[in-house]
Amino acid sequence: MKSSHREVQEGELVTRDEYNDGYTHEALHTTHVLMETFGQHVVDTRCADEFPDVKNAADKAHQALFDLYQLIGSKFKD
């Protein structure tokens, strides 16, 4: 049985799943959007192609977003 906590919201008693109250999903989704946007508008651009230091820094940042995405995803329970 999943544990849950209760909170009062606008005078009503609301039961929420203790683990996933929507914030984890939102963080996962937002990280994905950032990864896609960053990839298209920074990593895969002429600027990154022309300047190896920019490409290197962009690749590191993109990898960090990917690692964050995986970390957040690992927080979801079966």
C-alpha atoms as a PDB file:
ATOM      1  CA  MET A   1       0.000   0.000   0.000  1.00  0.00           C
ATOM      2  CA  LYS A   2       1.303   3.427  -0.921  1.00  0.00           C
ATOM      3  CA  SER A   3       1.636   5.901   1.860  1.00  0.00           C
ATOM      4  CA  SER A   4      -0.016   9.241   1.414  1.00  0.00           C
ATOM      5  CA  HIS A   5      -0.383  12.459   3.272  1.00  0.00           C
ATOM      6  CA  ARG A   6      -3.309  14.744   3.574  1.00  0.00           C
ATOM      7  CA  GLU A   7      -3.438  18.461   3.161  1.00  0.00           C
ATOM      8  CA  VAL A   8      -6.155  21.057   3.323  1.00  0.00           C
ATOM      9  CA  GLN A   9      -6.700  22.977   0.124  1.00  0.00           C
ATOM     10  CA  GLU A  10      -9.325  25.723  -0.033  1.00  0.00           C
ATOM     11  CA  GLY A  11     -11.300  24.207   2.799  1.00  0.00           C
ATOM     12  CA  GLU A  12     -11.381  20.711   1.292  1.00  0.00           C
ATOM     13  CA  LEU A  13      -9.449  17.693   2.437  1.00  0.00           C
ATOM     14  CA  VAL A  14      -7.242  16.499  -0.401  1.00  0.00           C
ATOM     15  CA  THR A  15      -5.333  13.225  -0.404  1.00  0.00           C
ATOM     16  CA  ARG A  16      -2.174  13.301  -2.452  1.00  0.00           C
ATOM     17  CA  ASP A  17       0.282  10.591  -3.246  1.00  0.00           C
ATOM     18  CA  GLU A  18       3.279  11.275  -0.996  1.00  0.00           C
ATOM     19  CA  TYR A  19       5.734  10.431  -3.738  1.00  0.00           C
ATOM     20  CA  ASN A  20       4.338  12.095  -6.831  1.00  0.00           C
ATOM     21  CA  ASP A  21       2.290  15.188  -6.334  1.00  0.00           C
ATOM     22  CA  GLY A  22       2.965  16.362  -9.888  1.00  0.00           C
ATOM     23  CA  TYR A  23       6.173  18.233  -9.202  1.00  0.00           C
ATOM     24  CA  THR A  24       8.389  15.335 -10.231  1.00  0.00           C
ATOM     25  CA  HIS A  25       6.574  14.960 -13.543  1.00  0.00           C
ATOM     26  CA  GLU A  26       6.769  18.697 -14.142  1.00  0.00           C
ATOM     27  CA  ALA A  27      10.521  18.717 -13.426  1.00  0.00           C
ATOM     28  CA  LEU A  28      11.042  15.772 -15.783  1.00  0.00           C
ATOM     29  CA  HIS A  29       8.991  17.348 -18.555  1.00  0.00           C
ATOM     30  CA  THR A  30      10.646  20.761 -18.191  1.00  0.00           C
ATOM     31  CA  THR A  31      14.105  19.203 -18.291  1.00  0.00           C
ATOM     32  CA  HIS A  32      13.156  17.382 -21.498  1.00  0.00           C
ATOM     33  CA  VAL A  33      11.913  20.610 -23.089  1.00  0.00           C
ATOM     34  CA  LEU A  34      15.132  22.372 -22.087  1.00  0.00           C
ATOM     35  CA  MET A  35      17.246  19.537 -23.506  1.00  0.00           C
ATOM     36  CA  GLU A  36      15.438  19.661 -26.843  1.00  0.00           C
ATOM     37  CA  THR A  37      15.516  23.455 -27.052  1.00  0.00           C
ATOM     38  CA  PHE A  38      19.171  23.662 -26.021  1.00  0.00           C
ATOM     39  CA  GLY A  39      20.124  20.973 -28.505  1.00  0.00           C
ATOM     40  CA  GLN A  40      18.362  22.673 -31.401  1.00  0.00           C
ATOM     41  CA  HIS A  41      19.317  26.259 -30.613  1.00  0.00           C
ATOM     42  CA  VAL A  42      22.822  25.899 -29.182  1.00  0.00           C
ATOM     43  CA  VAL A  43      24.431  22.478 -29.709  1.00  0.00           C
ATOM     44  CA  ASP A  44      23.334  21.966 -33.308  1.00  0.00           C
ATOM     45  CA  THR A  45      24.145  25.435 -34.583  1.00  0.00           C
ATOM     46  CA  ARG A  46      26.703  27.060 -36.796  1.00  0.00           C
ATOM     47  CA  CYS A  47      28.112  28.862 -33.755  1.00  0.00           C
ATOM     48  CA  ALA A  48      28.912  25.572 -32.044  1.00  0.00           C
ATOM     49  CA  ASP A  49      30.253  24.156 -35.311  1.00  0.00           C
ATOM     50  CA  GLU A  50      32.583  27.103 -35.878  1.00  0.00           C
ATOM     51  CA  PHE A  51      33.933  27.447 -32.346  1.00  0.00           C
ATOM     52  CA  PRO A  52      35.233  24.261 -30.713  1.00  0.00           C
ATOM     53  CA  ASP A  53      35.240  25.853 -27.252  1.00  0.00           C
ATOM     54  CA  VAL A  54      31.572  26.767 -27.626  1.00  0.00           C
ATOM     55  CA  LYS A  55      30.794  23.240 -28.878  1.00  0.00           C
ATOM     56  CA  ASN A  56      32.668  21.710 -25.942  1.00  0.00           C
ATOM     57  CA  ALA A  57      30.882  23.870 -23.362  1.00  0.00           C
ATOM     58  CA  ALA A  58      27.504  23.313 -25.056  1.00  0.00           C
ATOM     59  CA  ASP A  59      28.045  19.558 -25.136  1.00  0.00           C
ATOM     60  CA  LYS A  60      28.893  19.551 -21.416  1.00  0.00           C
ATOM     61  CA  ALA A  61      25.798  21.585 -20.576  1.00  0.00           C
ATOM     62  CA  HIS A  62      23.626  19.348 -22.760  1.00  0.00           C
ATOM     63  CA  GLN A  63      25.058  16.248 -21.085  1.00  0.00           C
ATOM     64  CA  ALA A  64      24.353  17.790 -17.669  1.00  0.00           C
ATOM     65  CA  LEU A  65      20.707  18.284 -18.672  1.00  0.00           C
ATOM     66  CA  PHE A  66      20.543  14.679 -19.855  1.00  0.00           C
ATOM     67  CA  ASP A  67      22.034  13.485 -16.563  1.00  0.00           C
ATOM     68  CA  LEU A  68      19.498  15.586 -14.654  1.00  0.00           C
ATOM     69  CA  TYR A  69      16.675  14.118 -16.749  1.00  0.00           C
ATOM     70  CA  GLN A  70      17.851  10.587 -15.917  1.00  0.00           C
ATOM     71  CA  LEU A  71      18.177  11.437 -12.228  1.00  0.00           C
ATOM     72  CA  ILE A  72      14.658  12.876 -12.033  1.00  0.00           C
ATOM     73  CA  GLY A  73      13.315   9.889 -13.975  1.00  0.00           C
ATOM     74  CA  SER A  74      14.906   7.539 -11.476  1.00  0.00           C
ATOM     75  CA  LYS A  75      12.773   9.098  -8.729  1.00  0.00           C
ATOM     76  CA  PHE A  76       9.575   7.627 -10.192  1.00  0.00           C
ATOM     77  CA  LYS A  77       8.558   4.454  -8.407  1.00  0.00           C
ATOM     78  CA  ASP A  78       6.922   1.503 -10.125  1.00  0.00           C
END
